[in-house]
């Protein structure tokens, strides 16, 4: 995905310190959480955080800030949401990849 498809989205920042502290900006909602998995809705799609002994230290959805501590094992994004006003090509991304 190129930068043009990301225009109009809010600021998104992910920072990991020693795999023990994760800070995320651009969070709009905490979808679910437990000690092994946290799912966040961000400006760039759903973000799944996997690890061990995960504990949320700070959540401020008004400011879009989120901090978690624990052992961070993986981060995974789901699809990037469509930008409002962007024109669709009429084909799904799967079709785009198959027809290239």
PDB file of N, CA and C in Angstrom:
ATOM      1  N   UNK A   1       0.851  -1.172   0.000  1.00  0.00           N
ATOM      2  CA  UNK A   1       0.000   0.000   0.000  1.00  0.00           C
ATOM      3  C   UNK A   1       0.898   1.236   0.000  1.00  0.00           C
ATOM      4  N   UNK A   2       0.595   2.188  -0.848  1.00  0.00           N
ATOM      5  CA  UNK A   2       1.403   3.394  -0.890  1.00  0.00           C
ATOM      6  C   UNK A   2       0.843   4.468   0.040  1.00  0.00           C
ATOM      7  N   UNK A   3       1.632   5.525   0.230  1.00  0.00           N
ATOM      8  CA  UNK A   3       1.258   6.594   1.154  1.00  0.00           C
ATOM      9  C   UNK A   3      -0.029   7.303   0.751  1.00  0.00           C
ATOM     10  N   UNK A   4      -0.381   7.322  -0.541  1.00  0.00           N
ATOM     11  CA  UNK A   4      -1.598   7.982  -0.983  1.00  0.00           C
ATOM     12  C   UNK A   4      -2.833   7.352  -0.361  1.00  0.00           C
ATOM     13  N   UNK A   5      -2.813   6.045  -0.145  1.00  0.00           N
ATOM     14  CA  UNK A   5      -3.955   5.351   0.451  1.00  0.00           C
ATOM     15  C   UNK A   5      -4.086   5.641   1.944  1.00  0.00           C
ATOM     16  N   UNK A   6      -3.056   6.198   2.553  1.00  0.00           N
ATOM     17  CA  UNK A   6      -3.080   6.485   3.985  1.00  0.00           C
ATOM     18  C   UNK A   6      -3.406   7.942   4.285  1.00  0.00           C
ATOM     19  N   UNK A   7      -3.538   8.770   3.238  1.00  0.00           N
ATOM     20  CA  UNK A   7      -3.853  10.179   3.457  1.00  0.00           C
ATOM     21  C   UNK A   7      -5.210  10.304   4.130  1.00  0.00           C
ATOM     22  N   UNK A   8      -5.341  11.254   5.018  1.00  0.00           N
ATOM     23  CA  UNK A   8      -6.605  11.498   5.687  1.00  0.00           C
ATOM     24  C   UNK A   8      -6.774  10.704   6.977  1.00  0.00           C
ATOM     25  N   UNK A   9      -5.833   9.801   7.259  1.00  0.00           N
ATOM     26  CA  UNK A   9      -5.894   9.050   8.505  1.00  0.00           C
ATOM     27  C   UNK A   9      -5.128   9.810   9.576  1.00  0.00           C
ATOM     28  N   UNK A  10      -5.475   9.577  10.830  1.00  0.00           N
ATOM     29  CA  UNK A  10      -4.795  10.238  11.933  1.00  0.00           C
ATOM     30  C   UNK A  10      -3.383   9.716  12.118  1.00  0.00           C
ATOM     31  N   UNK A  11      -2.679  10.341  13.034  1.00  0.00           N
ATOM     32  CA  UNK A  11      -1.314   9.918  13.343  1.00  0.00           C
ATOM     33  C   UNK A  11      -1.338   8.540  13.983  1.00  0.00           C
ATOM     34  N   UNK A  12      -0.430   7.680  13.556  1.00  0.00           N
ATOM     35  CA  UNK A  12      -0.314   6.342  14.131  1.00  0.00           C
ATOM     36  C   UNK A  12       1.154   6.108  14.429  1.00  0.00           C
ATOM     37  N   UNK A  13       1.443   5.748  15.683  1.00  0.00           N
ATOM     38  CA  UNK A  13       2.821   5.522  16.105  1.00  0.00           C
ATOM     39  C   UNK A  13       2.852   4.318  17.016  1.00  0.00           C
ATOM     40  N   UNK A  14       3.828   3.436  16.785  1.00  0.00           N
ATOM     41  CA  UNK A  14       4.027   2.271  17.643  1.00  0.00           C
ATOM     42  C   UNK A  14       5.469   2.300  18.111  1.00  0.00           C
ATOM     43  N   UNK A  15       5.658   2.169  19.431  1.00  0.00           N
ATOM     44  CA  UNK A  15       6.991   2.179  20.015  1.00  0.00           C
ATOM     45  C   UNK A  15       7.110   1.016  20.996  1.00  0.00           C
ATOM     46  N   UNK A  16       8.155   0.206  20.831  1.00  0.00           N
ATOM     47  CA  UNK A  16       8.397  -0.919  21.731  1.00  0.00           C
ATOM     48  C   UNK A  16       9.748  -0.707  22.402  1.00  0.00           C
ATOM     49  N   UNK A  17       9.774  -0.847  23.728  1.00  0.00           N
ATOM     50  CA  UNK A  17      11.007  -0.703  24.489  1.00  0.00           C
ATOM     51  C   UNK A  17      11.357  -2.061  25.091  1.00  0.00           C
ATOM     52  N   UNK A  18      12.461  -2.647  24.622  1.00  0.00           N
ATOM     53  CA  UNK A  18      12.981  -3.916  25.151  1.00  0.00           C
ATOM     54  C   UNK A  18      11.946  -5.040  25.195  1.00  0.00           C
ATOM     55  N   UNK A  19      10.980  -5.031  24.297  1.00  0.00           N
ATOM     56  CA  UNK A  19       9.897  -6.027  24.237  1.00  0.00           C
ATOM     57  C   UNK A  19       9.102  -6.098  25.537  1.00  0.00           C
ATOM     58  N   UNK A  20       9.257  -5.082  26.408  1.00  0.00           N
ATOM     59  CA  UNK A  20       8.581  -5.078  27.703  1.00  0.00           C
ATOM     60  C   UNK A  20       7.549  -3.973  27.845  1.00  0.00           C
ATOM     61  N   UNK A  21       7.608  -2.972  26.982  1.00  0.00           N
ATOM     62  CA  UNK A  21       6.668  -1.854  27.046  1.00  0.00           C
ATOM     63  C   UNK A  21       6.300  -1.452  25.626  1.00  0.00           C
ATOM     64  N   UNK A  22       4.998  -1.349  25.371  1.00  0.00           N
ATOM     65  CA  UNK A  22       4.508  -0.984  24.051  1.00  0.00           C
ATOM     66  C   UNK A  22       3.635   0.241  24.184  1.00  0.00           C
ATOM     67  N   UNK A  23       3.943   1.270  23.408  1.00  0.00           N
ATOM     68  CA  UNK A  23       3.134   2.483  23.368  1.00  0.00           C
ATOM     69  C   UNK A  23       2.566   2.614  21.961  1.00  0.00           C
ATOM     70  N   UNK A  24       1.266   2.904  21.874  1.00  0.00           N
ATOM     71  CA  UNK A  24       0.605   3.054  20.583  1.00  0.00           C
ATOM     72  C   UNK A  24      -0.174   4.361  20.596  1.00  0.00           C
ATOM     73  N   UNK A  25      -0.022   5.152  19.536  1.00  0.00           N
ATOM     74  CA  UNK A  25      -0.847   6.353  19.334  1.00  0.00           C
ATOM     75  C   UNK A  25      -1.734   6.112  18.132  1.00  0.00           C
ATOM     76  N   UNK A  26      -2.940   6.666  18.172  1.00  0.00           N
ATOM     77  CA  UNK A  26      -3.887   6.469  17.090  1.00  0.00           C
ATOM     78  C   UNK A  26      -4.885   5.369  17.410  1.00  0.00           C
ATOM     79  N   UNK A  27      -5.073   5.105  18.712  1.00  0.00           N
ATOM     80  CA  UNK A  27      -6.008   4.067  19.156  1.00  0.00           C
ATOM     81  C   UNK A  27      -7.384   4.689  19.361  1.00  0.00           C
ATOM     82  N   UNK A  28      -8.404   4.079  18.780  1.00  0.00           N
ATOM     83  CA  UNK A  28      -9.757   4.598  18.950  1.00  0.00           C
ATOM     84  C   UNK A  28     -10.605   3.738  19.879  1.00  0.00           C
ATOM     85  N   UNK A  29     -10.183   2.476  20.089  1.00  0.00           N
ATOM     86  CA  UNK A  29     -10.979   1.603  20.957  1.00  0.00           C
ATOM     87  C   UNK A  29     -10.170   0.366  21.335  1.00  0.00           C
ATOM     88  N   UNK A  30     -10.387  -0.138  22.552  1.00  0.00           N
ATOM     89  CA  UNK A  30      -9.840  -1.429  22.960  1.00  0.00           C
ATOM     90  C   UNK A  30     -10.956  -2.442  22.739  1.00  0.00           C
ATOM     91  N   UNK A  31     -10.745  -3.336  21.795  1.00  0.00           N
ATOM     92  CA  UNK A  31     -11.757  -4.329  21.430  1.00  0.00           C
ATOM     93  C   UNK A  31     -11.838  -5.451  22.465  1.00  0.00           C
ATOM     94  N   UNK A  32     -10.679  -5.999  22.855  1.00  0.00           N
ATOM     95  CA  UNK A  32     -10.635  -7.063  23.856  1.00  0.00           C
ATOM     96  C   UNK A  32      -9.240  -7.126  24.448  1.00  0.00           C
ATOM     97  N   UNK A  33      -9.152  -7.735  25.633  1.00  0.00           N
ATOM     98  CA  UNK A  33      -7.837  -7.866  26.248  1.00  0.00           C
ATOM     99  C   UNK A  33      -7.838  -8.981  27.297  1.00  0.00           C
ATOM    100  N   UNK A  34      -6.693  -9.625  27.426  1.00  0.00           N
ATOM    101  CA  UNK A  34      -6.395 -10.531  28.525  1.00  0.00           C
ATOM    102  C   UNK A  34      -4.871 -10.553  28.660  1.00  0.00           C
ATOM    103  N   UNK A  35      -4.332 -11.434  29.465  1.00  0.00           N
ATOM    104  CA  UNK A  35      -2.887 -11.420  29.728  1.00  0.00           C
ATOM    105  C   UNK A  35      -2.045 -11.916  28.554  1.00  0.00           C
ATOM    106  N   UNK A  36      -2.691 -12.503  27.534  1.00  0.00           N
ATOM    107  CA  UNK A  36      -1.936 -13.040  26.397  1.00  0.00           C
ATOM    108  C   UNK A  36      -2.250 -12.350  25.065  1.00  0.00           C
ATOM    109  N   UNK A  37      -3.376 -11.621  24.997  1.00  0.00           N
ATOM    110  CA  UNK A  37      -3.744 -10.984  23.731  1.00  0.00           C
ATOM    111  C   UNK A  37      -4.584  -9.736  23.966  1.00  0.00           C
ATOM    112  N   UNK A  38      -4.240  -8.684  23.235  1.00  0.00           N
ATOM    113  CA  UNK A  38      -4.993  -7.438  23.278  1.00  0.00           C
ATOM    114  C   UNK A  38      -5.316  -7.059  21.835  1.00  0.00           C
ATOM    115  N   UNK A  39      -6.564  -6.686  21.583  1.00  0.00           N
ATOM    116  CA  UNK A  39      -6.979  -6.269  20.244  1.00  0.00           C
ATOM    117  C   UNK A  39      -7.430  -4.814  20.327  1.00  0.00           C
ATOM    118  N   UNK A  40      -6.790  -3.970  19.507  1.00  0.00           N
ATOM    119  CA  UNK A  40      -7.075  -2.536  19.474  1.00  0.00           C
ATOM    120  C   UNK A  40      -7.597  -2.139  18.105  1.00  0.00           C
ATOM    121  N   UNK A  41      -8.522  -1.180  18.089  1.00  0.00           N
ATOM    122  CA  UNK A  41      -8.913  -0.540  16.838  1.00  0.00           C
ATOM    123  C   UNK A  41      -8.074   0.719  16.722  1.00  0.00           C
ATOM    124  N   UNK A  42      -7.320   0.832  15.628  1.00  0.00           N
ATOM    125  CA  UNK A  42      -6.460   1.992  15.419  1.00  0.00           C
ATOM    126  C   UNK A  42      -6.852   2.695  14.136  1.00  0.00           C
ATOM    127  N   UNK A  43      -6.225   3.833  13.892  1.00  0.00           N
ATOM    128  CA  UNK A  43      -6.464   4.588  12.664  1.00  0.00           C
ATOM    129  C   UNK A  43      -6.061   3.802  11.422  1.00  0.00           C
ATOM    130  N   UNK A  44      -5.201   2.803  11.590  1.00  0.00           N
ATOM    131  CA  UNK A  44      -4.729   2.016  10.449  1.00  0.00           C
ATOM    132  C   UNK A  44      -5.252   0.589  10.461  1.00  0.00           C
ATOM    133  N   UNK A  45      -6.344   0.348  11.155  1.00  0.00           N
ATOM    134  CA  UNK A  45      -6.931  -0.988  11.186  1.00  0.00           C
ATOM    135  C   UNK A  45      -6.797  -1.628  12.555  1.00  0.00           C
ATOM    136  N   UNK A  46      -7.262  -2.863  12.643  1.00  0.00           N
ATOM    137  CA  UNK A  46      -7.211  -3.596  13.908  1.00  0.00           C
ATOM    138  C   UNK A  46      -5.783  -4.061  14.167  1.00  0.00           C
ATOM    139  N   UNK A  47      -5.330  -3.889  15.399  1.00  0.00           N
ATOM    140  CA  UNK A  47      -3.987  -4.291  15.808  1.00  0.00           C
ATOM    141  C   UNK A  47      -4.117  -5.317  16.916  1.00  0.00           C
ATOM    142  N   UNK A  48      -3.526  -6.493  16.713  1.00  0.00           N
ATOM    143  CA  UNK A  48      -3.520  -7.543  17.724  1.00  0.00           C
ATOM    144  C   UNK A  48      -2.121  -7.614  18.326  1.00  0.00           C
ATOM    145  N   UNK A  49      -2.074  -7.552  19.649  1.00  0.00           N
ATOM    146  CA  UNK A  49      -0.823  -7.635  20.391  1.00  0.00           C
ATOM    147  C   UNK A  49      -0.841  -8.968  21.128  1.00  0.00           C
ATOM    148  N   UNK A  50       0.200  -9.772  20.937  1.00  0.00           N
ATOM    149  CA  UNK A  50       0.290 -11.058  21.635  1.00  0.00           C
ATOM    150  C   UNK A  50       1.534 -11.062  22.500  1.00  0.00           C
ATOM    151  N   UNK A  51       1.405 -11.704  23.678  1.00  0.00           N
ATOM    152  CA  UNK A  51       2.536 -11.766  24.581  1.00  0.00           C
ATOM    153  C   UNK A  51       2.210 -12.547  25.832  1.00  0.00           C
ATOM    154  N   UNK A  52       2.966 -12.268  26.883  1.00  0.00           N
ATOM    155  CA  UNK A  52       2.784 -12.936  28.165  1.00  0.00           C
ATOM    156  C   UNK A  52       2.715 -11.879  29.262  1.00  0.00           C
ATOM    157  N   UNK A  53       1.844 -12.114  30.221  1.00  0.00           N
ATOM    158  CA  UNK A  53       1.682 -11.190  31.362  1.00  0.00           C
ATOM    159  C   UNK A  53       1.442  -9.756  30.909  1.00  0.00           C
ATOM    160  N   UNK A  54       0.578  -9.576  29.923  1.00  0.00           N
ATOM    161  CA  UNK A  54       0.278  -8.242  29.404  1.00  0.00           C
ATOM    162  C   UNK A  54      -0.644  -7.509  30.368  1.00  0.00           C
ATOM    163  N   UNK A  55      -0.249  -6.297  30.740  1.00  0.00           N
ATOM    164  CA  UNK A  55      -1.032  -5.467  31.653  1.00  0.00           C
ATOM    165  C   UNK A  55      -1.130  -4.064  31.066  1.00  0.00           C
ATOM    166  N   UNK A  56      -2.344  -3.598  30.877  1.00  0.00           N
ATOM    167  CA  UNK A  56      -2.565  -2.254  30.344  1.00  0.00           C
ATOM    168  C   UNK A  56      -2.207  -1.237  31.415  1.00  0.00           C
ATOM    169  N   UNK A  57      -1.296  -0.326  31.078  1.00  0.00           N
ATOM    170  CA  UNK A  57      -0.859   0.712  32.014  1.00  0.00           C
ATOM    171  C   UNK A  57      -1.626   2.011  31.829  1.00  0.00           C
ATOM    172  N   UNK A  58      -2.011   2.304  30.580  1.00  0.00           N
ATOM    173  CA  UNK A  58      -2.700   3.559  30.304  1.00  0.00           C
ATOM    174  C   UNK A  58      -3.536   3.422  29.033  1.00  0.00           C
ATOM    175  N   UNK A  59      -4.766   3.914  29.103  1.00  0.00           N
ATOM    176  CA  UNK A  59      -5.630   4.001  27.930  1.00  0.00           C
ATOM    177  C   UNK A  59      -6.293   5.369  27.955  1.00  0.00           C
ATOM    178  N   UNK A  60      -6.159   6.086  26.865  1.00  0.00           N
ATOM    179  CA  UNK A  60      -6.839   7.370  26.715  1.00  0.00           C
ATOM    180  C   UNK A  60      -7.312   7.457  25.267  1.00  0.00           C
ATOM    181  N   UNK A  61      -8.518   6.953  25.010  1.00  0.00           N
ATOM    182  CA  UNK A  61      -9.010   6.935  23.632  1.00  0.00           C
ATOM    183  C   UNK A  61      -9.321   8.335  23.118  1.00  0.00           C
ATOM    184  N   UNK A  62      -9.585   9.271  24.019  1.00  0.00           N
ATOM    185  CA  UNK A  62      -9.797  10.665  23.587  1.00  0.00           C
ATOM    186  C   UNK A  62      -8.531  11.214  22.939  1.00  0.00           C
ATOM    187  N   UNK A  63      -7.377  10.873  23.513  1.00  0.00           N
ATOM    188  CA  UNK A  63      -6.089  11.304  22.970  1.00  0.00           C
ATOM    189  C   UNK A  63      -5.501  10.259  22.019  1.00  0.00           C
ATOM    190  N   UNK A  64      -6.102   9.063  21.978  1.00  0.00           N
ATOM    191  CA  UNK A  64      -5.614   8.000  21.101  1.00  0.00           C
ATOM    192  C   UNK A  64      -4.380   7.301  21.614  1.00  0.00           C
ATOM    193  N   UNK A  65      -4.144   7.350  22.940  1.00  0.00           N
ATOM    194  CA  UNK A  65      -2.921   6.785  23.506  1.00  0.00           C
ATOM    195  C   UNK A  65      -3.202   5.495  24.267  1.00  0.00           C
ATOM    196  N   UNK A  66      -2.253   4.556  24.152  1.00  0.00           N
ATOM    197  CA  UNK A  66      -2.383   3.255  24.790  1.00  0.00           C
ATOM    198  C   UNK A  66      -0.993   2.780  25.185  1.00  0.00           C
ATOM    199  N   UNK A  67      -0.852   2.252  26.417  1.00  0.00           N
ATOM    200  CA  UNK A  67       0.428   1.717  26.892  1.00  0.00           C
ATOM    201  C   UNK A  67       0.166   0.376  27.555  1.00  0.00           C
ATOM    202  N   UNK A  68       0.964  -0.623  27.200  1.00  0.00           N
ATOM    203  CA  UNK A  68       0.871  -1.943  27.820  1.00  0.00           C
ATOM    204  C   UNK A  68       2.282  -2.408  28.200  1.00  0.00           C
ATOM    205  N   UNK A  69       2.364  -3.136  29.316  1.00  0.00           N
ATOM    206  CA  UNK A  69       3.631  -3.720  29.750  1.00  0.00           C
ATOM    207  C   UNK A  69       3.478  -5.223  29.855  1.00  0.00           C
ATOM    208  N   UNK A  70       4.563  -5.937  29.656  1.00  0.00           N
ATOM    209  CA  UNK A  70       4.604  -7.386  29.674  1.00  0.00           C
ATOM    210  C   UNK A  70       5.583  -7.819  28.599  1.00  0.00           C
ATOM    211  N   UNK A  71       5.671  -9.110  28.344  1.00  0.00           N
ATOM    212  CA  UNK A  71       6.555  -9.602  27.296  1.00  0.00           C
ATOM    213  C   UNK A  71       5.803  -9.576  25.971  1.00  0.00           C
ATOM    214  N   UNK A  72       6.247  -8.731  25.040  1.00  0.00           N
ATOM    215  CA  UNK A  72       5.606  -8.572  23.741  1.00  0.00           C
ATOM    216  C   UNK A  72       6.193  -9.612  22.782  1.00  0.00           C
ATOM    217  N   UNK A  73       5.346 -10.496  22.260  1.00  0.00           N
ATOM    218  CA  UNK A  73       5.802 -11.532  21.334  1.00  0.00           C
ATOM    219  C   UNK A  73       5.470 -11.229  19.881  1.00  0.00           C
ATOM    220  N   UNK A  74       4.342 -10.555  19.632  1.00  0.00           N
ATOM    221  CA  UNK A  74       3.937 -10.316  18.239  1.00  0.00           C
ATOM    222  C   UNK A  74       2.954  -9.161  18.138  1.00  0.00           C
ATOM    223  N   UNK A  75       3.019  -8.467  17.008  1.00  0.00           N
ATOM    224  CA  UNK A  75       2.045  -7.443  16.630  1.00  0.00           C
ATOM    225  C   UNK A  75       1.533  -7.835  15.256  1.00  0.00           C
ATOM    226  N   UNK A  76       0.229  -7.761  15.064  1.00  0.00           N
ATOM    227  CA  UNK A  76      -0.351  -8.109  13.767  1.00  0.00           C
ATOM    228  C   UNK A  76      -1.483  -7.148  13.435  1.00  0.00           C
ATOM    229  N   UNK A  77      -1.428  -6.593  12.219  1.00  0.00           N
ATOM    230  CA  UNK A  77      -2.472  -5.693  11.745  1.00  0.00           C
ATOM    231  C   UNK A  77      -3.437  -6.438  10.845  1.00  0.00           C
ATOM    232  N   UNK A  78      -4.708  -6.092  10.958  1.00  0.00           N
ATOM    233  CA  UNK A  78      -5.705  -6.534   9.992  1.00  0.00           C
ATOM    234  C   UNK A  78      -5.706  -5.506   8.870  1.00  0.00           C
ATOM    235  N   UNK A  79      -6.598  -5.617   7.917  1.00  0.00           N
ATOM    236  CA  UNK A  79      -6.632  -4.733   6.756  1.00  0.00           C
ATOM    237  C   UNK A  79      -6.752  -3.273   7.155  1.00  0.00           C
ATOM    238  N   UNK A  80      -6.126  -2.423   6.359  1.00  0.00           N
ATOM    239  CA  UNK A  80      -6.209  -0.977   6.555  1.00  0.00           C
ATOM    240  C   UNK A  80      -7.598  -0.533   6.119  1.00  0.00           C
ATOM    241  N   UNK A  81      -8.279   0.288   6.934  1.00  0.00           N
ATOM    242  CA  UNK A  81      -9.619   0.745   6.537  1.00  0.00           C
ATOM    243  C   UNK A  81      -9.546   1.636   5.312  1.00  0.00           C
ATOM    244  N   UNK A  82     -10.633   1.667   4.546  1.00  0.00           N
ATOM    245  CA  UNK A  82     -10.693   2.560   3.385  1.00  0.00           C
ATOM    246  C   UNK A  82     -10.756   4.005   3.855  1.00  0.00           C
ATOM    247  N   UNK A  83     -10.071   4.861   3.135  1.00  0.00           N
ATOM    248  CA  UNK A  83     -10.082   6.286   3.433  1.00  0.00           C
ATOM    249  C   UNK A  83     -11.395   6.858   2.921  1.00  0.00           C
ATOM    250  N   UNK A  84     -12.056   7.658   3.721  1.00  0.00           N
ATOM    251  CA  UNK A  84     -13.312   8.280   3.296  1.00  0.00           C
ATOM    252  C   UNK A  84     -13.075   9.104   2.048  1.00  0.00           C
ATOM    253  N   UNK A  85     -13.951   8.930   1.092  1.00  0.00           N
ATOM    254  CA  UNK A  85     -13.839   9.698  -0.143  1.00  0.00           C
ATOM    255  C   UNK A  85     -12.934   9.060  -1.182  1.00  0.00           C
ATOM    256  N   UNK A  86     -12.225   7.991  -0.816  1.00  0.00           N
ATOM    257  CA  UNK A  86     -11.352   7.341  -1.797  1.00  0.00           C
ATOM    258  C   UNK A  86     -12.207   6.588  -2.800  1.00  0.00           C
ATOM    259  N   UNK A  87     -11.798   6.600  -4.037  1.00  0.00           N
ATOM    260  CA  UNK A  87     -12.556   5.921  -5.085  1.00  0.00           C
ATOM    261  C   UNK A  87     -12.152   4.459  -5.137  1.00  0.00           C
ATOM    262  N   UNK A  88     -13.139   3.593  -5.200  1.00  0.00           N
ATOM    263  CA  UNK A  88     -12.900   2.159  -5.301  1.00  0.00           C
ATOM    264  C   UNK A  88     -12.616   1.792  -6.747  1.00  0.00           C
ATOM    265  N   UNK A  89     -11.739   0.814  -6.948  1.00  0.00           N
ATOM    266  CA  UNK A  89     -11.437   0.339  -8.281  1.00  0.00           C
ATOM    267  C   UNK A  89     -12.485  -0.650  -8.756  1.00  0.00           C
ATOM    268  N   UNK A  90     -13.398  -1.060  -7.857  1.00  0.00           N
ATOM    269  CA  UNK A  90     -14.420  -2.002  -8.259  1.00  0.00           C
ATOM    270  C   UNK A  90     -14.000  -3.447  -8.099  1.00  0.00           C
ATOM    271  N   UNK A  91     -12.764  -3.692  -7.691  1.00  0.00           N
ATOM    272  CA  UNK A  91     -12.287  -5.049  -7.466  1.00  0.00           C
ATOM    273  C   UNK A  91     -11.754  -5.130  -6.045  1.00  0.00           C
ATOM    274  N   UNK A  92     -11.852  -6.291  -5.447  1.00  0.00           N
ATOM    275  CA  UNK A  92     -11.294  -6.479  -4.121  1.00  0.00           C
ATOM    276  C   UNK A  92      -9.777  -6.561  -4.219  1.00  0.00           C
ATOM    277  N   UNK A  93      -9.092  -6.390  -3.102  1.00  0.00           N
ATOM    278  CA  UNK A  93      -7.637  -6.465  -3.113  1.00  0.00           C
ATOM    279  C   UNK A  93      -7.164  -7.854  -3.522  1.00  0.00           C
ATOM    280  N   UNK A  94      -7.948  -8.895  -3.207  1.00  0.00           N
ATOM    281  CA  UNK A  94      -7.590 -10.242  -3.629  1.00  0.00           C
ATOM    282  C   UNK A  94      -7.561 -10.310  -5.151  1.00  0.00           C
ATOM    283  N   UNK A  95      -8.589  -9.747  -5.807  1.00  0.00           N
ATOM    284  CA  UNK A  95      -8.608  -9.742  -7.264  1.00  0.00           C
ATOM    285  C   UNK A  95      -7.454  -8.925  -7.819  1.00  0.00           C
ATOM    286  N   UNK A  96      -7.147  -7.814  -7.191  1.00  0.00           N
ATOM    287  CA  UNK A  96      -6.021  -6.990  -7.655  1.00  0.00           C
ATOM    288  C   UNK A  96      -4.725  -7.801  -7.651  1.00  0.00           C
ATOM    289  N   UNK A  97      -4.512  -8.544  -6.579  1.00  0.00           N
ATOM    290  CA  UNK A  97      -3.284  -9.348  -6.484  1.00  0.00           C
ATOM    291  C   UNK A  97      -3.278 -10.493  -7.494  1.00  0.00           C
ATOM    292  N   UNK A  98      -4.423 -11.126  -7.708  1.00  0.00           N
ATOM    293  CA  UNK A  98      -4.484 -12.247  -8.640  1.00  0.00           C
ATOM    294  C   UNK A  98      -4.296 -11.811 -10.087  1.00  0.00           C
ATOM    295  N   UNK A  99      -4.753 -10.596 -10.408  1.00  0.00           N
ATOM    296  CA  UNK A  99      -4.699 -10.136 -11.803  1.00  0.00           C
ATOM    297  C   UNK A  99      -3.476  -9.325 -12.156  1.00  0.00           C
ATOM    298  N   UNK A 100      -2.559  -9.188 -11.248  1.00  0.00           N
ATOM    299  CA  UNK A 100      -1.318  -8.425 -11.559  1.00  0.00           C
ATOM    300  C   UNK A 100      -0.415  -9.198 -12.461  1.00  0.00           C
TER     301      UNK A 100
END
